[in-house]
PDB file of N, CA and C in Angstrom:
ATOM      1  N   UNK A   1      56.544  -6.464  16.848  1.00  0.00           N
ATOM      2  CA  UNK A   1      56.227  -7.674  17.212  1.00  0.00           C
ATOM      3  C   UNK A   1      57.898  -8.791  16.682  1.00  0.00           C
ATOM      4  N   UNK A   2      58.003  -9.476  17.453  1.00  0.00           N
ATOM      5  CA  UNK A   2      59.003  -9.925  17.321  1.00  0.00           C
ATOM      6  C   UNK A   2      59.009 -11.323  17.148  1.00  0.00           C
ATOM      7  N   UNK A   3      58.365 -12.030  17.893  1.00  0.00           N
ATOM      8  CA  UNK A   3      58.309 -13.775  18.053  1.00  0.00           C
ATOM      9  C   UNK A   3      57.539 -13.638  16.750  1.00  0.00           C
ATOM     10  N   UNK A   4      58.069 -14.957  16.171  1.00  0.00           N
ATOM     11  CA  UNK A   4      57.491 -15.883  15.023  1.00  0.00           C
ATOM     12  C   UNK A   4      55.979 -16.147  14.873  1.00  0.00           C
ATOM     13  N   UNK A   5      55.827 -16.487  15.964  1.00  0.00           N
ATOM     14  CA  UNK A   5      54.253 -17.354  16.130  1.00  0.00           C
ATOM     15  C   UNK A   5      53.090 -15.652  16.273  1.00  0.00           C
ATOM     16  N   UNK A   6      53.501 -15.036  16.654  1.00  0.00           N
ATOM     17  CA  UNK A   6      53.223 -13.276  16.976  1.00  0.00           C
ATOM     18  C   UNK A   6      52.895 -13.040  15.644  1.00  0.00           C
ATOM     19  N   UNK A   7      53.735 -12.885  14.837  1.00  0.00           N
ATOM     20  CA  UNK A   7      54.117 -12.220  13.493  1.00  0.00           C
ATOM     21  C   UNK A   7      53.080 -13.191  12.590  1.00  0.00           C
ATOM     22  N   UNK A   8      53.054 -14.231  12.331  1.00  0.00           N
ATOM     23  CA  UNK A   8      52.438 -15.442  11.880  1.00  0.00           C
ATOM     24  C   UNK A   8      51.220 -15.544  11.870  1.00  0.00           C
ATOM     25  N   UNK A   9      50.577 -15.259  13.122  1.00  0.00           N
ATOM     26  CA  UNK A   9      49.080 -14.897  13.644  1.00  0.00           C
ATOM     27  C   UNK A   9      49.095 -13.531  13.216  1.00  0.00           C
ATOM     28  N   UNK A  10      49.157 -12.307  12.987  1.00  0.00           N
ATOM     29  CA  UNK A  10      49.404 -10.938  12.370  1.00  0.00           C
ATOM     30  C   UNK A  10      48.575 -11.524  11.147  1.00  0.00           C
ATOM     31  N   UNK A  11      49.897 -12.096  10.417  1.00  0.00           N
ATOM     32  CA  UNK A  11      49.345 -12.232   8.621  1.00  0.00           C
ATOM     33  C   UNK A  11      48.283 -12.821   8.712  1.00  0.00           C
ATOM     34  N   UNK A  12      47.802 -13.880   9.714  1.00  0.00           N
ATOM     35  CA  UNK A  12      46.859 -14.721   8.520  1.00  0.00           C
ATOM     36  C   UNK A  12      45.359 -14.146   9.506  1.00  0.00           C
ATOM     37  N   UNK A  13      45.609 -13.452  10.653  1.00  0.00           N
ATOM     38  CA  UNK A  13      44.335 -12.888  10.982  1.00  0.00           C
ATOM     39  C   UNK A  13      43.999 -11.236  10.097  1.00  0.00           C
ATOM     40  N   UNK A  14      45.502 -10.607   9.819  1.00  0.00           N
ATOM     41  CA  UNK A  14      44.903  -9.897   8.829  1.00  0.00           C
ATOM     42  C   UNK A  14      44.612 -10.098   7.290  1.00  0.00           C
ATOM     43  N   UNK A  15      44.877 -10.821   6.782  1.00  0.00           N
ATOM     44  CA  UNK A  15      44.427 -11.948   5.199  1.00  0.00           C
ATOM     45  C   UNK A  15      43.264 -11.872   5.855  1.00  0.00           C
ATOM     46  N   UNK A  16      42.566 -12.674   6.428  1.00  0.00           N
ATOM     47  CA  UNK A  16      41.004 -12.958   6.810  1.00  0.00           C
ATOM     48  C   UNK A  16      40.331 -11.381   6.931  1.00  0.00           C
ATOM     49  N   UNK A  17      40.744 -10.730   7.864  1.00  0.00           N
ATOM     50  CA  UNK A  17      39.975  -9.550   8.350  1.00  0.00           C
ATOM     51  C   UNK A  17      40.205  -8.785   6.833  1.00  0.00           C
ATOM     52  N   UNK A  18      41.160  -8.771   5.863  1.00  0.00           N
ATOM     53  CA  UNK A  18      41.191  -8.025   4.442  1.00  0.00           C
ATOM     54  C   UNK A  18      40.139  -8.919   3.690  1.00  0.00           C
ATOM     55  N   UNK A  19      39.806  -9.867   3.629  1.00  0.00           N
ATOM     56  CA  UNK A  19      38.939 -10.765   2.803  1.00  0.00           C
ATOM     57  C   UNK A  19      37.426 -10.551   3.298  1.00  0.00           C
ATOM     58  N   UNK A  20      37.177 -10.780   4.719  1.00  0.00           N
ATOM     59  CA  UNK A  20      35.991 -10.420   5.015  1.00  0.00           C
ATOM     60  C   UNK A  20      35.568  -8.688   4.403  1.00  0.00           C
ATOM     61  N   UNK A  21      36.466  -7.933   4.759  1.00  0.00           N
ATOM     62  CA  UNK A  21      36.130  -6.588   4.591  1.00  0.00           C
ATOM     63  C   UNK A  21      35.871  -6.547   3.131  1.00  0.00           C
ATOM     64  N   UNK A  22      36.632  -7.025   2.578  1.00  0.00           N
ATOM     65  CA  UNK A  22      36.294  -6.780   1.322  1.00  0.00           C
ATOM     66  C   UNK A  22      34.969  -7.328   0.735  1.00  0.00           C
ATOM     67  N   UNK A  23      34.858  -8.632   1.417  1.00  0.00           N
ATOM     68  CA  UNK A  23      33.181  -8.821   0.974  1.00  0.00           C
ATOM     69  C   UNK A  23      31.892  -8.109   1.483  1.00  0.00           C
ATOM     70  N   UNK A  24      32.398  -7.432   2.417  1.00  0.00           N
ATOM     71  CA  UNK A  24      31.538  -6.133   3.041  1.00  0.00           C
ATOM     72  C   UNK A  24      31.423  -5.002   2.443  1.00  0.00           C
ATOM     73  N   UNK A  25      32.669  -5.080   2.000  1.00  0.00           N
ATOM     74  CA  UNK A  25      32.359  -3.512   0.939  1.00  0.00           C
ATOM     75  C   UNK A  25      31.531  -3.949  -0.345  1.00  0.00           C
ATOM     76  N   UNK A  26      31.645  -5.149  -0.641  1.00  0.00           N
ATOM     77  CA  UNK A  26      31.070  -5.566  -2.047  1.00  0.00           C
ATOM     78  C   UNK A  26      29.704  -5.760  -1.578  1.00  0.00           C
ATOM     79  N   UNK A  27      29.244  -6.035  -0.395  1.00  0.00           N
ATOM     80  CA  UNK A  27      28.122  -6.458  -0.246  1.00  0.00           C
ATOM     81  C   UNK A  27      27.295  -5.229  -0.114  1.00  0.00           C
ATOM     82  N   UNK A  28      27.865  -3.954   0.746  1.00  0.00           N
ATOM     83  CA  UNK A  28      27.516  -2.778   0.629  1.00  0.00           C
ATOM     84  C   UNK A  28      27.338  -1.764  -0.112  1.00  0.00           C
ATOM     85  N   UNK A  29      28.025  -2.164  -1.686  1.00  0.00           N
ATOM     86  CA  UNK A  29      28.065  -1.226  -2.778  1.00  0.00           C
ATOM     87  C   UNK A  29      26.858  -2.180  -3.516  1.00  0.00           C
ATOM     88  N   UNK A  30      26.634  -2.874  -3.288  1.00  0.00           N
ATOM     89  CA  UNK A  30      25.391  -3.328  -3.574  1.00  0.00           C
ATOM     90  C   UNK A  30      26.117  -4.690  -5.115  1.00  0.00           C
ATOM     91  N   UNK A  31      27.460  -5.091  -4.992  1.00  0.00           N
ATOM     92  CA  UNK A  31      27.948  -5.706  -6.036  1.00  0.00           C
ATOM     93  C   UNK A  31      27.520  -7.057  -5.590  1.00  0.00           C
ATOM     94  N   UNK A  32      27.696  -7.822  -4.361  1.00  0.00           N
ATOM     95  CA  UNK A  32      28.118  -9.171  -4.300  1.00  0.00           C
ATOM     96  C   UNK A  32      26.149  -9.091  -3.897  1.00  0.00           C
ATOM     97  N   UNK A  33      25.601  -9.742  -4.728  1.00  0.00           N
ATOM     98  CA  UNK A  33      23.891 -10.364  -3.620  1.00  0.00           C
ATOM     99  C   UNK A  33      23.675 -11.317  -3.238  1.00  0.00           C
ATOM    100  N   UNK A  34      22.978 -11.381  -2.296  1.00  0.00           N
ATOM    101  CA  UNK A  34      22.476 -12.616  -1.703  1.00  0.00           C
ATOM    102  C   UNK A  34      22.272 -12.860  -0.290  1.00  0.00           C
ATOM    103  N   UNK A  35      22.429 -11.395   0.099  1.00  0.00           N
ATOM    104  CA  UNK A  35      22.329 -11.477   1.898  1.00  0.00           C
ATOM    105  C   UNK A  35      21.325 -10.137   1.957  1.00  0.00           C
ATOM    106  N   UNK A  36      21.021 -10.197   3.172  1.00  0.00           N
ATOM    107  CA  UNK A  36      20.477  -8.916   3.650  1.00  0.00           C
ATOM    108  C   UNK A  36      21.618  -8.486   4.166  1.00  0.00           C
ATOM    109  N   UNK A  37      22.765  -8.137   3.989  1.00  0.00           N
ATOM    110  CA  UNK A  37      24.027  -7.110   4.042  1.00  0.00           C
ATOM    111  C   UNK A  37      23.555  -6.675   2.729  1.00  0.00           C
ATOM    112  N   UNK A  38      23.244  -6.881   1.407  1.00  0.00           N
ATOM    113  CA  UNK A  38      23.251  -6.541  -0.024  1.00  0.00           C
ATOM    114  C   UNK A  38      22.722  -4.868   0.134  1.00  0.00           C
ATOM    115  N   UNK A  39      23.301  -3.890  -0.384  1.00  0.00           N
ATOM    116  CA  UNK A  39      23.148  -2.605  -0.664  1.00  0.00           C
ATOM    117  C   UNK A  39      22.638  -1.891   0.640  1.00  0.00           C
ATOM    118  N   UNK A  40      23.202  -2.554   1.542  1.00  0.00           N
ATOM    119  CA  UNK A  40      23.233  -1.701   2.747  1.00  0.00           C
ATOM    120  C   UNK A  40      24.575  -0.690   3.441  1.00  0.00           C
ATOM    121  N   UNK A  41      24.549   0.719   2.870  1.00  0.00           N
ATOM    122  CA  UNK A  41      25.924   1.471   3.125  1.00  0.00           C
ATOM    123  C   UNK A  41      26.749   0.857   4.147  1.00  0.00           C
ATOM    124  N   UNK A  42      25.695   0.588   5.299  1.00  0.00           N
ATOM    125  CA  UNK A  42      26.480   0.523   6.884  1.00  0.00           C
ATOM    126  C   UNK A  42      27.758  -0.530   6.349  1.00  0.00           C
ATOM    127  N   UNK A  43      27.115  -2.039   5.536  1.00  0.00           N
ATOM    128  CA  UNK A  43      27.981  -2.819   5.929  1.00  0.00           C
ATOM    129  C   UNK A  43      29.672  -2.449   4.796  1.00  0.00           C
ATOM    130  N   UNK A  44      29.042  -1.611   3.972  1.00  0.00           N
ATOM    131  CA  UNK A  44      30.424  -0.312   3.329  1.00  0.00           C
ATOM    132  C   UNK A  44      31.293   0.111   4.394  1.00  0.00           C
ATOM    133  N   UNK A  45      31.197   0.581   5.210  1.00  0.00           N
ATOM    134  CA  UNK A  45      31.857   1.351   6.073  1.00  0.00           C
ATOM    135  C   UNK A  45      32.346   0.741   7.451  1.00  0.00           C
ATOM    136  N   UNK A  46      31.308  -0.573   7.988  1.00  0.00           N
ATOM    137  CA  UNK A  46      32.118  -1.575   8.802  1.00  0.00           C
ATOM    138  C   UNK A  46      33.267  -2.265   7.785  1.00  0.00           C
ATOM    139  N   UNK A  47      32.761  -2.441   6.387  1.00  0.00           N
ATOM    140  CA  UNK A  47      34.019  -2.968   5.843  1.00  0.00           C
ATOM    141  C   UNK A  47      35.355  -2.340   5.482  1.00  0.00           C
ATOM    142  N   UNK A  48      35.177  -1.170   5.407  1.00  0.00           N
ATOM    143  CA  UNK A  48      36.314  -0.346   5.147  1.00  0.00           C
ATOM    144  C   UNK A  48      37.196  -0.383   6.511  1.00  0.00           C
ATOM    145  N   UNK A  49      36.902  -0.202   7.679  1.00  0.00           N
ATOM    146  CA  UNK A  49      37.027  -0.552   9.086  1.00  0.00           C
ATOM    147  C   UNK A  49      38.385  -1.559   8.997  1.00  0.00           C
ATOM    148  N   UNK A  50      37.227  -2.941   8.598  1.00  0.00           N
ATOM    149  CA  UNK A  50      38.080  -4.168   8.933  1.00  0.00           C
ATOM    150  C   UNK A  50      38.772  -4.364   7.842  1.00  0.00           C
ATOM    151  N   UNK A  51      38.790  -3.867   6.851  1.00  0.00           N
ATOM    152  CA  UNK A  51      39.898  -4.003   5.748  1.00  0.00           C
ATOM    153  C   UNK A  51      40.859  -3.237   5.899  1.00  0.00           C
ATOM    154  N   UNK A  52      41.128  -1.684   6.436  1.00  0.00           N
ATOM    155  CA  UNK A  52      41.826  -1.029   6.974  1.00  0.00           C
ATOM    156  C   UNK A  52      42.581  -1.946   8.322  1.00  0.00           C
ATOM    157  N   UNK A  53      41.991  -2.522   9.150  1.00  0.00           N
ATOM    158  CA  UNK A  53      42.371  -3.101  10.469  1.00  0.00           C
ATOM    159  C   UNK A  53      43.247  -4.337   9.954  1.00  0.00           C
ATOM    160  N   UNK A  54      43.155  -5.216   8.886  1.00  0.00           N
ATOM    161  CA  UNK A  54      43.410  -6.050   8.011  1.00  0.00           C
ATOM    162  C   UNK A  54      45.314  -5.768   7.448  1.00  0.00           C
ATOM    163  N   UNK A  55      44.918  -4.745   6.463  1.00  0.00           N
ATOM    164  CA  UNK A  55      46.060  -4.176   6.215  1.00  0.00           C
ATOM    165  C   UNK A  55      47.253  -3.798   7.301  1.00  0.00           C
ATOM    166  N   UNK A  56      46.741  -3.017   8.155  1.00  0.00           N
ATOM    167  CA  UNK A  56      47.683  -3.003   9.491  1.00  0.00           C
ATOM    168  C   UNK A  56      48.117  -3.929   9.953  1.00  0.00           C
ATOM    169  N   UNK A  57      47.488  -5.175  10.177  1.00  0.00           N
ATOM    170  CA  UNK A  57      48.077  -6.027  10.767  1.00  0.00           C
ATOM    171  C   UNK A  57      48.751  -7.089   9.658  1.00  0.00           C
ATOM    172  N   UNK A  58      48.686  -6.873   8.430  1.00  0.00           N
ATOM    173  CA  UNK A  58      49.382  -7.480   7.442  1.00  0.00           C
ATOM    174  C   UNK A  58      50.733  -6.809   7.740  1.00  0.00           C
ATOM    175  N   UNK A  59      51.068  -5.279   7.669  1.00  0.00           N
ATOM    176  CA  UNK A  59      52.315  -4.551   7.367  1.00  0.00           C
ATOM    177  C   UNK A  59      52.678  -5.073   8.656  1.00  0.00           C
ATOM    178  N   UNK A  60      52.506  -5.392   9.855  1.00  0.00           N
ATOM    179  CA  UNK A  60      52.980  -5.869  11.568  1.00  0.00           C
ATOM    180  C   UNK A  60      53.479  -6.798  11.037  1.00  0.00           C
ATOM    181  N   UNK A  61      52.594  -7.522  10.951  1.00  0.00           N
ATOM    182  CA  UNK A  61      53.139  -9.049  10.497  1.00  0.00           C
ATOM    183  C   UNK A  61      54.113  -9.333   9.672  1.00  0.00           C
ATOM    184  N   UNK A  62      54.278  -8.745   8.562  1.00  0.00           N
ATOM    185  CA  UNK A  62      55.385  -8.825   7.114  1.00  0.00           C
ATOM    186  C   UNK A  62      56.934  -7.988   7.934  1.00  0.00           C
ATOM    187  N   UNK A  63      56.439  -7.066   8.742  1.00  0.00           N
ATOM    188  CA  UNK A  63      57.964  -6.086   9.198  1.00  0.00           C
ATOM    189  C   UNK A  63      58.993  -7.294   9.468  1.00  0.00           C
ATOM    190  N   UNK A  64      60.261  -6.622   9.425  1.00  0.00           N
ATOM    191  CA  UNK A  64      61.274  -7.361  10.000  1.00  0.00           C
ATOM    192  C   UNK A  64      61.067  -7.397  11.548  1.00  0.00           C
ATOM    193  N   UNK A  65      61.464  -8.179  12.507  1.00  0.00           N
ATOM    194  CA  UNK A  65      61.635  -8.569  13.484  1.00  0.00           C
ATOM    195  C   UNK A  65      62.536  -7.499  14.453  1.00  0.00           C
ATOM    196  N   UNK A  66      62.559  -6.808  15.459  1.00  0.00           N
ATOM    197  CA  UNK A  66      63.541  -6.086  16.021  1.00  0.00           C
ATOM    198  C   UNK A  66      63.883  -4.740  15.138  1.00  0.00           C
ATOM    199  N   UNK A  67      63.420  -4.296  13.924  1.00  0.00           N
ATOM    200  CA  UNK A  67      63.931  -2.807  13.881  1.00  0.00           C
ATOM    201  C   UNK A  67      65.381  -2.658  13.796  1.00  0.00           C
ATOM    202  N   UNK A  68      65.435  -1.309  14.135  1.00  0.00           N
ATOM    203  CA  UNK A  68      66.946  -0.991  14.072  1.00  0.00           C
ATOM    204  C   UNK A  68      67.750  -1.610  15.189  1.00  0.00           C
ATOM    205  N   UNK A  69      68.777  -1.571  14.541  1.00  0.00           N
ATOM    206  CA  UNK A  69      69.873  -2.774  15.417  1.00  0.00           C
ATOM    207  C   UNK A  69      70.405  -1.378  16.813  1.00  0.00           C
ATOM    208  N   UNK A  70      70.488  -1.768  17.769  1.00  0.00           N
ATOM    209  CA  UNK A  70      70.747  -0.708  19.291  1.00  0.00           C
ATOM    210  C   UNK A  70      72.284  -1.447  19.409  1.00  0.00           C
ATOM    211  N   UNK A  71      73.102  -0.053  19.645  1.00  0.00           N
ATOM    212  CA  UNK A  71      74.256  -0.501  19.858  1.00  0.00           C
ATOM    213  C   UNK A  71      74.302  -0.239  21.375  1.00  0.00           C
ATOM    214  N   UNK A  72      75.367  -1.351  22.363  1.00  0.00           N
ATOM    215  CA  UNK A  72      75.667  -0.730  23.996  1.00  0.00           C
ATOM    216  C   UNK A  72      76.868  -0.780  24.123  1.00  0.00           C
ATOM    217  N   UNK A  73      76.707  -0.067  24.964  1.00  0.00           N
ATOM    218  CA  UNK A  73      77.895   0.723  25.506  1.00  0.00           C
ATOM    219  C   UNK A  73      78.891  -0.069  26.621  1.00  0.00           C
ATOM    220  N   UNK A  74      79.462  -1.347  26.345  1.00  0.00           N
ATOM    221  CA  UNK A  74      79.833  -2.015  27.712  1.00  0.00           C
ATOM    222  C   UNK A  74      81.317  -1.892  28.339  1.00  0.00           C
TER     223      UNK A  74
END
């Protein structure tokens, strides 16, 4: 990801996905009450997937743009 807006978008979406995934994990494990999702293990597994995707987006967004420098023989 090389463009600044793309990196910022990846970071924002990654944070949101990580927070939502954490919420769903908590509800699936019956740690957060007050929803029809509470105690349903399905939401635990969905939350894990969403949280992992959030982490991947955060890593991609926080990596330096460009990676390794390239050398050109002109």
